[in-house]
Amino acid sequence: MTEPDTTVLDNAVWHSLLHAHQEFAEREGQAARYDPDVSIFGSLGDADIDKDGAAGWRDLETVVGSSGIAVLFRGEMPQLPAGWTRLDGGRGHQMVLRELATVDVPPGVRPLGPADVGEMLALVELTQPGPFAARTVELGGYVGVFDGNRLVAMAGQRLAPPGFREVSAVCTHPDFRGRGLAAGLTALVARGILERGERPFLHHAPDNDAARRVYESLGFAFRRQVVFAALGAP
């Protein structure tokens, strides 16, 4: 596999919306965001943000609307111009797959689609793996394991900068943890990404050592720290 340019991972939301996820994008100049029913994330382009990003911030205000909220997710957060306020935020760890370990696929796993959104939202609400909206499933590649009619574990795909695809929404119902479901589903999603000629990557909370150990056992390695912030527009 030809190794893709990892610098796109420093601003993965922008490069996803600029390329693979254009159909989900609301864009103005050097700013874009996902349709809010698909994802909460917005972005500023790379051009001149560190020099004079005034035009990009004006574009972002146009995208989110006056007094709207933009949720940025990138390697470094640019300095906020006058009028913008930071409402919330935090940090995460970004990992990229080196070589996928051999892991058994959980029994009974099946693809997830729009008909499963109710169960997916219920599992997300219980386990809090990160942002997930009513149409996030349309980003593709979601798989899950059921106990009867109840979804008990899932994983899927989210950001898609050129050459990469993010493994996301990995979560397991508390009553079903310790059975290797998270590892098996993550490996299954990652395998599908590799088969398309893309490189899997993912994010986890800095203090989630259990998740980090699972991902390291699968072949993921730490790349960098990333930041996210909810910003109030002027």
C-alpha atoms as a PDB file:
ATOM      1  CA  MET A   1       0.000   0.000   0.000  1.00  0.00           C
ATOM      2  CA  THR A   2       1.286   3.472  -0.875  1.00  0.00           C
ATOM      3  CA  GLU A   3       1.495   5.459   2.333  1.00  0.00           C
ATOM      4  CA  PRO A   4      -0.837   8.498   2.272  1.00  0.00           C
ATOM      5  CA  ASP A   5       0.151  11.981   3.418  1.00  0.00           C
ATOM      6  CA  THR A   6      -0.429  12.022   7.184  1.00  0.00           C
ATOM      7  CA  THR A   7      -0.561  15.820   7.379  1.00  0.00           C
ATOM      8  CA  VAL A   8      -4.230  15.679   6.323  1.00  0.00           C
ATOM      9  CA  LEU A   9      -4.933  14.115   9.725  1.00  0.00           C
ATOM     10  CA  ASP A  10      -4.030  17.413  11.402  1.00  0.00           C
ATOM     11  CA  ASN A  11      -7.196  18.915   9.924  1.00  0.00           C
ATOM     12  CA  ALA A  12      -9.168  15.772   9.140  1.00  0.00           C
ATOM     13  CA  VAL A  13     -12.631  17.342   9.195  1.00  0.00           C
ATOM     14  CA  TRP A  14     -11.727  19.933   6.532  1.00  0.00           C
ATOM     15  CA  HIS A  15     -10.089  17.398   4.239  1.00  0.00           C
ATOM     16  CA  SER A  16     -13.023  14.994   4.659  1.00  0.00           C
ATOM     17  CA  LEU A  17     -15.560  17.649   3.708  1.00  0.00           C
ATOM     18  CA  LEU A  18     -13.398  18.843   0.841  1.00  0.00           C
ATOM     19  CA  HIS A  19     -13.146  15.354  -0.669  1.00  0.00           C
ATOM     20  CA  ALA A  20     -14.965  12.125   0.269  1.00  0.00           C
ATOM     21  CA  HIS A  21     -17.777  13.773   2.242  1.00  0.00           C
ATOM     22  CA  GLN A  22     -18.711  16.645  -0.065  1.00  0.00           C
ATOM     23  CA  GLU A  23     -22.290  15.374  -0.194  1.00  0.00           C
ATOM     24  CA  PHE A  24     -22.632  16.043   3.552  1.00  0.00           C
ATOM     25  CA  ALA A  25     -20.894  19.444   3.480  1.00  0.00           C
ATOM     26  CA  GLU A  26     -22.176  22.967   3.982  1.00  0.00           C
ATOM     27  CA  ARG A  27     -19.304  25.134   2.742  1.00  0.00           C
ATOM     28  CA  GLU A  28     -18.398  28.784   2.294  1.00  0.00           C
ATOM     29  CA  GLY A  29     -14.878  29.653   1.092  1.00  0.00           C
ATOM     30  CA  GLN A  30     -12.349  28.527   3.704  1.00  0.00           C
ATOM     31  CA  ALA A  31     -14.912  27.075   6.115  1.00  0.00           C
ATOM     32  CA  ALA A  32     -17.241  24.083   6.108  1.00  0.00           C
ATOM     33  CA  ARG A  33     -19.313  21.924   8.388  1.00  0.00           C
ATOM     34  CA  TYR A  34     -21.208  18.673   8.213  1.00  0.00           C
ATOM     35  CA  ASP A  35     -24.963  18.706   7.881  1.00  0.00           C
ATOM     36  CA  PRO A  36     -25.846  18.864  11.618  1.00  0.00           C
ATOM     37  CA  ASP A  37     -27.983  15.722  11.288  1.00  0.00           C
ATOM     38  CA  VAL A  38     -24.837  13.849  10.191  1.00  0.00           C
ATOM     39  CA  SER A  39     -22.138  15.243  12.506  1.00  0.00           C
ATOM     40  CA  ILE A  40     -21.502  18.154  14.847  1.00  0.00           C
ATOM     41  CA  PHE A  41     -18.085  19.027  13.379  1.00  0.00           C
ATOM     42  CA  GLY A  42     -17.111  22.100  11.401  1.00  0.00           C
ATOM     43  CA  SER A  43     -13.750  23.189  10.038  1.00  0.00           C
ATOM     44  CA  LEU A  44     -11.471  25.950   8.859  1.00  0.00           C
ATOM     45  CA  GLY A  45      -9.237  25.385   5.848  1.00  0.00           C
ATOM     46  CA  ASP A  46      -5.465  25.270   6.122  1.00  0.00           C
ATOM     47  CA  ALA A  47      -4.770  28.313   3.926  1.00  0.00           C
ATOM     48  CA  ASP A  48      -3.305  31.260   5.828  1.00  0.00           C
ATOM     49  CA  ILE A  49      -5.067  30.414   9.090  1.00  0.00           C
ATOM     50  CA  ASP A  50      -1.855  30.907  11.049  1.00  0.00           C
ATOM     51  CA  LYS A  51      -1.097  34.194   9.245  1.00  0.00           C
ATOM     52  CA  ASP A  52      -4.323  36.082   8.717  1.00  0.00           C
ATOM     53  CA  GLY A  53      -7.357  33.872   9.099  1.00  0.00           C
ATOM     54  CA  ALA A  54      -9.901  36.681   9.186  1.00  0.00           C
ATOM     55  CA  ALA A  55     -11.511  35.604   5.924  1.00  0.00           C
ATOM     56  CA  GLY A  56     -11.778  31.996   7.118  1.00  0.00           C
ATOM     57  CA  TRP A  57     -13.464  33.047  10.350  1.00  0.00           C
ATOM     58  CA  ARG A  58     -15.914  35.218   8.420  1.00  0.00           C
ATOM     59  CA  ASP A  59     -16.661  32.223   6.211  1.00  0.00           C
ATOM     60  CA  LEU A  60     -17.216  30.058   9.292  1.00  0.00           C
ATOM     61  CA  GLU A  61     -19.613  32.623  10.744  1.00  0.00           C
ATOM     62  CA  THR A  62     -21.551  32.511   7.468  1.00  0.00           C
ATOM     63  CA  VAL A  63     -21.711  28.716   7.621  1.00  0.00           C
ATOM     64  CA  VAL A  64     -22.949  28.445  11.224  1.00  0.00           C
ATOM     65  CA  GLY A  65     -24.997  31.655  11.269  1.00  0.00           C
ATOM     66  CA  SER A  66     -24.825  34.657  13.544  1.00  0.00           C
ATOM     67  CA  SER A  67     -24.574  33.522  17.183  1.00  0.00           C
ATOM     68  CA  GLY A  68     -24.284  29.928  15.958  1.00  0.00           C
ATOM     69  CA  ILE A  69     -21.901  27.292  17.297  1.00  0.00           C
ATOM     70  CA  ALA A  70     -18.953  25.763  15.447  1.00  0.00           C
ATOM     71  CA  VAL A  71     -17.305  22.605  16.785  1.00  0.00           C
ATOM     72  CA  LEU A  72     -13.721  22.400  15.513  1.00  0.00           C
ATOM     73  CA  PHE A  73     -11.576  19.256  15.755  1.00  0.00           C
ATOM     74  CA  ARG A  74      -7.953  19.530  14.651  1.00  0.00           C
ATOM     75  CA  GLY A  75      -4.313  19.207  15.616  1.00  0.00           C
ATOM     76  CA  GLU A  76      -3.943  22.769  16.863  1.00  0.00           C
ATOM     77  CA  MET A  77      -6.626  25.333  17.578  1.00  0.00           C
ATOM     78  CA  PRO A  78      -6.045  28.689  15.869  1.00  0.00           C
ATOM     79  CA  GLN A  79      -6.263  31.841  17.936  1.00  0.00           C
ATOM     80  CA  LEU A  80      -9.835  33.064  18.212  1.00  0.00           C
ATOM     81  CA  PRO A  81     -10.573  36.457  16.639  1.00  0.00           C
ATOM     82  CA  ALA A  82     -12.565  39.126  18.434  1.00  0.00           C
ATOM     83  CA  GLY A  83     -16.191  38.188  18.968  1.00  0.00           C
ATOM     84  CA  TRP A  84     -15.714  34.432  19.040  1.00  0.00           C
ATOM     85  CA  THR A  85     -15.910  32.644  22.416  1.00  0.00           C
ATOM     86  CA  ARG A  86     -14.827  29.185  23.519  1.00  0.00           C
ATOM     87  CA  LEU A  87     -17.774  27.407  25.129  1.00  0.00           C
ATOM     88  CA  ASP A  88     -16.360  23.935  25.734  1.00  0.00           C
ATOM     89  CA  GLY A  89     -13.609  21.636  24.558  1.00  0.00           C
ATOM     90  CA  GLY A  90     -10.938  19.111  25.361  1.00  0.00           C
ATOM     91  CA  ARG A  91      -8.162  16.944  23.974  1.00  0.00           C
ATOM     92  CA  GLY A  92      -7.865  13.522  22.417  1.00  0.00           C
ATOM     93  CA  HIS A  93      -5.224  11.095  21.222  1.00  0.00           C
ATOM     94  CA  GLN A  94      -4.997  10.226  17.545  1.00  0.00           C
ATOM     95  CA  MET A  95      -3.796   6.752  16.551  1.00  0.00           C
ATOM     96  CA  VAL A  96      -2.969   5.325  13.118  1.00  0.00           C
ATOM     97  CA  LEU A  97      -2.886   1.636  12.199  1.00  0.00           C
ATOM     98  CA  ARG A  98       0.550   0.197  11.444  1.00  0.00           C
ATOM     99  CA  GLU A  99      -0.295  -3.465  10.845  1.00  0.00           C
ATOM    100  CA  LEU A 100      -3.600  -5.087  11.739  1.00  0.00           C
ATOM    101  CA  ALA A 101      -3.444  -7.977  14.171  1.00  0.00           C
ATOM    102  CA  THR A 102      -5.434 -11.149  13.565  1.00  0.00           C
ATOM    103  CA  VAL A 103      -8.622 -11.001  15.639  1.00  0.00           C
ATOM    104  CA  ASP A 104     -11.715 -13.196  15.555  1.00  0.00           C
ATOM    105  CA  VAL A 105     -14.908 -11.599  14.263  1.00  0.00           C
ATOM    106  CA  PRO A 106     -17.649 -11.660  16.935  1.00  0.00           C
ATOM    107  CA  PRO A 107     -20.426 -14.167  16.218  1.00  0.00           C
ATOM    108  CA  GLY A 108     -23.656 -12.721  14.887  1.00  0.00           C
ATOM    109  CA  VAL A 109     -22.135  -9.457  13.647  1.00  0.00           C
ATOM    110  CA  ARG A 110     -24.111  -7.747  10.874  1.00  0.00           C
ATOM    111  CA  PRO A 111     -24.127  -4.420   8.996  1.00  0.00           C
ATOM    112  CA  LEU A 112     -26.084  -1.539  10.531  1.00  0.00           C
ATOM    113  CA  GLY A 113     -28.239   0.861   8.543  1.00  0.00           C
ATOM    114  CA  PRO A 114     -30.927   3.534   8.927  1.00  0.00           C
ATOM    115  CA  ALA A 115     -33.415   1.026  10.332  1.00  0.00           C
ATOM    116  CA  ASP A 116     -31.063   0.465  13.287  1.00  0.00           C
ATOM    117  CA  VAL A 117     -30.620   4.136  14.216  1.00  0.00           C
ATOM    118  CA  GLY A 118     -32.912   3.925  17.247  1.00  0.00           C
ATOM    119  CA  GLU A 119     -30.858   1.105  18.780  1.00  0.00           C
ATOM    120  CA  MET A 120     -27.608   2.862  17.833  1.00  0.00           C
ATOM    121  CA  LEU A 121     -28.643   6.104  19.509  1.00  0.00           C
ATOM    122  CA  ALA A 122     -29.714   4.207  22.635  1.00  0.00           C
ATOM    123  CA  LEU A 123     -26.324   2.480  22.873  1.00  0.00           C
ATOM    124  CA  VAL A 124     -24.486   5.763  22.299  1.00  0.00           C
ATOM    125  CA  GLU A 125     -26.551   7.457  25.007  1.00  0.00           C
ATOM    126  CA  LEU A 126     -25.630   4.680  27.440  1.00  0.00           C
ATOM    127  CA  THR A 127     -21.910   4.394  26.646  1.00  0.00           C
ATOM    128  CA  GLN A 128     -20.957   7.928  25.464  1.00  0.00           C
ATOM    129  CA  PRO A 129     -18.315   7.024  22.832  1.00  0.00           C
ATOM    130  CA  GLY A 130     -18.499  10.513  21.304  1.00  0.00           C
ATOM    131  CA  PRO A 131     -20.740  12.598  19.045  1.00  0.00           C
ATOM    132  CA  PHE A 132     -23.336  10.612  17.103  1.00  0.00           C
ATOM    133  CA  ALA A 133     -26.354  12.018  15.267  1.00  0.00           C
ATOM    134  CA  ALA A 134     -29.452  10.643  13.569  1.00  0.00           C
ATOM    135  CA  ARG A 135     -27.755  10.393  10.147  1.00  0.00           C
ATOM    136  CA  THR A 136     -24.208   9.531  11.242  1.00  0.00           C
ATOM    137  CA  VAL A 137     -24.848   5.987  10.045  1.00  0.00           C
ATOM    138  CA  GLU A 138     -24.835   7.345   6.475  1.00  0.00           C
ATOM    139  CA  LEU A 139     -21.071   7.836   6.753  1.00  0.00           C
ATOM    140  CA  GLY A 140     -20.931   4.069   6.294  1.00  0.00           C
ATOM    141  CA  GLY A 141     -19.271   0.911   7.440  1.00  0.00           C
ATOM    142  CA  TYR A 142     -21.236   0.407  10.662  1.00  0.00           C
ATOM    143  CA  VAL A 143     -21.450  -3.085  12.084  1.00  0.00           C
ATOM    144  CA  GLY A 144     -22.976  -4.381  15.287  1.00  0.00           C
ATOM    145  CA  VAL A 145     -23.806  -7.325  17.520  1.00  0.00           C
ATOM    146  CA  PHE A 146     -27.295  -7.883  18.929  1.00  0.00           C
ATOM    147  CA  ASP A 147     -28.666  -9.712  21.928  1.00  0.00           C
ATOM    148  CA  GLY A 148     -32.148 -10.476  20.706  1.00  0.00           C
ATOM    149  CA  ASN A 149     -33.441  -7.153  19.410  1.00  0.00           C
ATOM    150  CA  ARG A 150     -31.038  -5.092  21.524  1.00  0.00           C
ATOM    151  CA  LEU A 151     -27.822  -3.709  20.027  1.00  0.00           C
ATOM    152  CA  VAL A 152     -25.007  -4.450  22.482  1.00  0.00           C
ATOM    153  CA  ALA A 153     -21.858  -3.462  20.559  1.00  0.00           C
ATOM    154  CA  MET A 154     -21.001  -1.499  17.442  1.00  0.00           C
ATOM    155  CA  ALA A 155     -18.284   0.273  15.480  1.00  0.00           C
ATOM    156  CA  GLY A 156     -18.201   2.216  12.236  1.00  0.00           C
ATOM    157  CA  GLN A 157     -16.551   4.927  10.186  1.00  0.00           C
ATOM    158  CA  ARG A 158     -16.575   8.700  10.396  1.00  0.00           C
ATOM    159  CA  LEU A 159     -13.937  11.104   9.032  1.00  0.00           C
ATOM    160  CA  ALA A 160     -12.458  10.388   5.597  1.00  0.00           C
ATOM    161  CA  PRO A 161      -9.486  12.600   4.659  1.00  0.00           C
ATOM    162  CA  PRO A 162      -7.687  11.463   1.475  1.00  0.00           C
ATOM    163  CA  GLY A 163      -6.001   8.094   1.971  1.00  0.00           C
ATOM    164  CA  PHE A 164      -7.506   7.522   5.422  1.00  0.00           C
ATOM    165  CA  ARG A 165     -10.743   6.487   7.095  1.00  0.00           C
ATOM    166  CA  GLU A 166     -11.576   6.919  10.783  1.00  0.00           C
ATOM    167  CA  VAL A 167     -12.845   4.035  12.916  1.00  0.00           C
ATOM    168  CA  SER A 168     -15.425   5.592  15.218  1.00  0.00           C
ATOM    169  CA  ALA A 169     -18.332   5.029  17.630  1.00  0.00           C
ATOM    170  CA  VAL A 170     -16.718   1.918  19.097  1.00  0.00           C
ATOM    171  CA  CYS A 171     -18.875   1.024  22.090  1.00  0.00           C
ATOM    172  CA  THR A 172     -20.136  -1.949  24.075  1.00  0.00           C
ATOM    173  CA  HIS A 173     -23.043  -2.254  26.487  1.00  0.00           C
ATOM    174  CA  PRO A 174     -21.665  -2.533  30.074  1.00  0.00           C
ATOM    175  CA  ASP A 175     -23.266  -5.957  30.523  1.00  0.00           C
ATOM    176  CA  PHE A 176     -21.352  -7.341  27.521  1.00  0.00           C
ATOM    177  CA  ARG A 177     -17.856  -5.989  28.108  1.00  0.00           C
ATOM    178  CA  GLY A 178     -14.883  -8.290  28.515  1.00  0.00           C
ATOM    179  CA  ARG A 179     -15.931 -10.525  25.599  1.00  0.00           C
ATOM    180  CA  GLY A 180     -13.686  -9.006  22.929  1.00  0.00           C
ATOM    181  CA  LEU A 181     -16.548  -7.355  21.082  1.00  0.00           C
ATOM    182  CA  ALA A 182     -14.875  -3.927  20.794  1.00  0.00           C
ATOM    183  CA  ALA A 183     -11.639  -5.443  19.524  1.00  0.00           C
ATOM    184  CA  GLY A 184     -13.408  -7.721  17.067  1.00  0.00           C
ATOM    185  CA  LEU A 185     -15.634  -5.003  15.624  1.00  0.00           C
ATOM    186  CA  THR A 186     -12.783  -2.476  15.419  1.00  0.00           C
ATOM    187  CA  ALA A 187     -10.669  -5.032  13.564  1.00  0.00           C
ATOM    188  CA  LEU A 188     -13.540  -5.847  11.211  1.00  0.00           C
ATOM    189  CA  VAL A 189     -14.083  -2.174  10.323  1.00  0.00           C
ATOM    190  CA  ALA A 190     -10.334  -1.610   9.957  1.00  0.00           C
ATOM    191  CA  ARG A 191     -10.028  -4.612   7.648  1.00  0.00           C
ATOM    192  CA  GLY A 192     -12.692  -3.200   5.358  1.00  0.00           C
ATOM    193  CA  ILE A 193     -10.841   0.122   5.237  1.00  0.00           C
ATOM    194  CA  LEU A 194      -7.583  -1.598   4.337  1.00  0.00           C
ATOM    195  CA  GLU A 195      -9.297  -3.593   1.594  1.00  0.00           C
ATOM    196  CA  ARG A 196     -10.321  -0.303  -0.030  1.00  0.00           C
ATOM    197  CA  GLY A 197      -6.697   0.806  -0.046  1.00  0.00           C
ATOM    198  CA  GLU A 198      -7.085   3.316   2.798  1.00  0.00           C
ATOM    199  CA  ARG A 199      -5.306   3.565   6.160  1.00  0.00           C
ATOM    200  CA  PRO A 200      -7.420   3.291   9.355  1.00  0.00           C
ATOM    201  CA  PHE A 201      -7.047   5.844  12.136  1.00  0.00           C
ATOM    202  CA  LEU A 202      -9.046   6.664  15.254  1.00  0.00           C
ATOM    203  CA  HIS A 203      -9.271   8.861  18.341  1.00  0.00           C
ATOM    204  CA  HIS A 204      -9.738   8.174  22.029  1.00  0.00           C
ATOM    205  CA  ALA A 205      -9.893  10.184  25.245  1.00  0.00           C
ATOM    206  CA  PRO A 206      -6.443  10.668  26.848  1.00  0.00           C
ATOM    207  CA  ASP A 207      -7.542   9.020  30.092  1.00  0.00           C
ATOM    208  CA  ASN A 208      -9.212   5.991  28.459  1.00  0.00           C
ATOM    209  CA  ASP A 209      -6.407   3.512  29.052  1.00  0.00           C
ATOM    210  CA  ALA A 210      -8.668   0.502  28.451  1.00  0.00           C
ATOM    211  CA  ALA A 211      -9.456   1.691  24.922  1.00  0.00           C
ATOM    212  CA  ARG A 212      -5.824   2.551  24.257  1.00  0.00           C
ATOM    213  CA  ARG A 213      -4.704  -0.956  25.223  1.00  0.00           C
ATOM    214  CA  VAL A 214      -7.316  -2.518  22.919  1.00  0.00           C
ATOM    215  CA  TYR A 215      -6.245  -0.341  20.003  1.00  0.00           C
ATOM    216  CA  GLU A 216      -2.540  -0.969  20.605  1.00  0.00           C
ATOM    217  CA  SER A 217      -3.192  -4.723  20.667  1.00  0.00           C
ATOM    218  CA  LEU A 218      -4.791  -4.384  17.227  1.00  0.00           C
ATOM    219  CA  GLY A 219      -1.783  -2.558  15.775  1.00  0.00           C
ATOM    220  CA  PHE A 220      -2.683   1.116  16.216  1.00  0.00           C
ATOM    221  CA  ALA A 221       0.035   3.517  17.368  1.00  0.00           C
ATOM    222  CA  PHE A 222      -0.139   7.006  18.831  1.00  0.00           C
ATOM    223  CA  ARG A 223       0.405   9.773  16.276  1.00  0.00           C
ATOM    224  CA  ARG A 224      -0.397  13.043  18.016  1.00  0.00           C
ATOM    225  CA  GLN A 225      -2.627  14.897  20.429  1.00  0.00           C
ATOM    226  CA  VAL A 226      -5.644  16.672  18.935  1.00  0.00           C
ATOM    227  CA  VAL A 227      -7.949  19.332  20.307  1.00  0.00           C
ATOM    228  CA  PHE A 228     -11.652  19.992  19.932  1.00  0.00           C
ATOM    229  CA  ALA A 229     -13.663  23.032  20.900  1.00  0.00           C
ATOM    230  CA  ALA A 230     -17.209  24.319  20.710  1.00  0.00           C
ATOM    231  CA  LEU A 231     -16.997  27.969  19.666  1.00  0.00           C
ATOM    232  CA  GLY A 232     -19.698  30.609  19.791  1.00  0.00           C
ATOM    233  CA  ALA A 233     -19.860  32.838  16.739  1.00  0.00           C
ATOM    234  CA  PRO A 234     -20.111  36.637  17.121  1.00  0.00           C
END
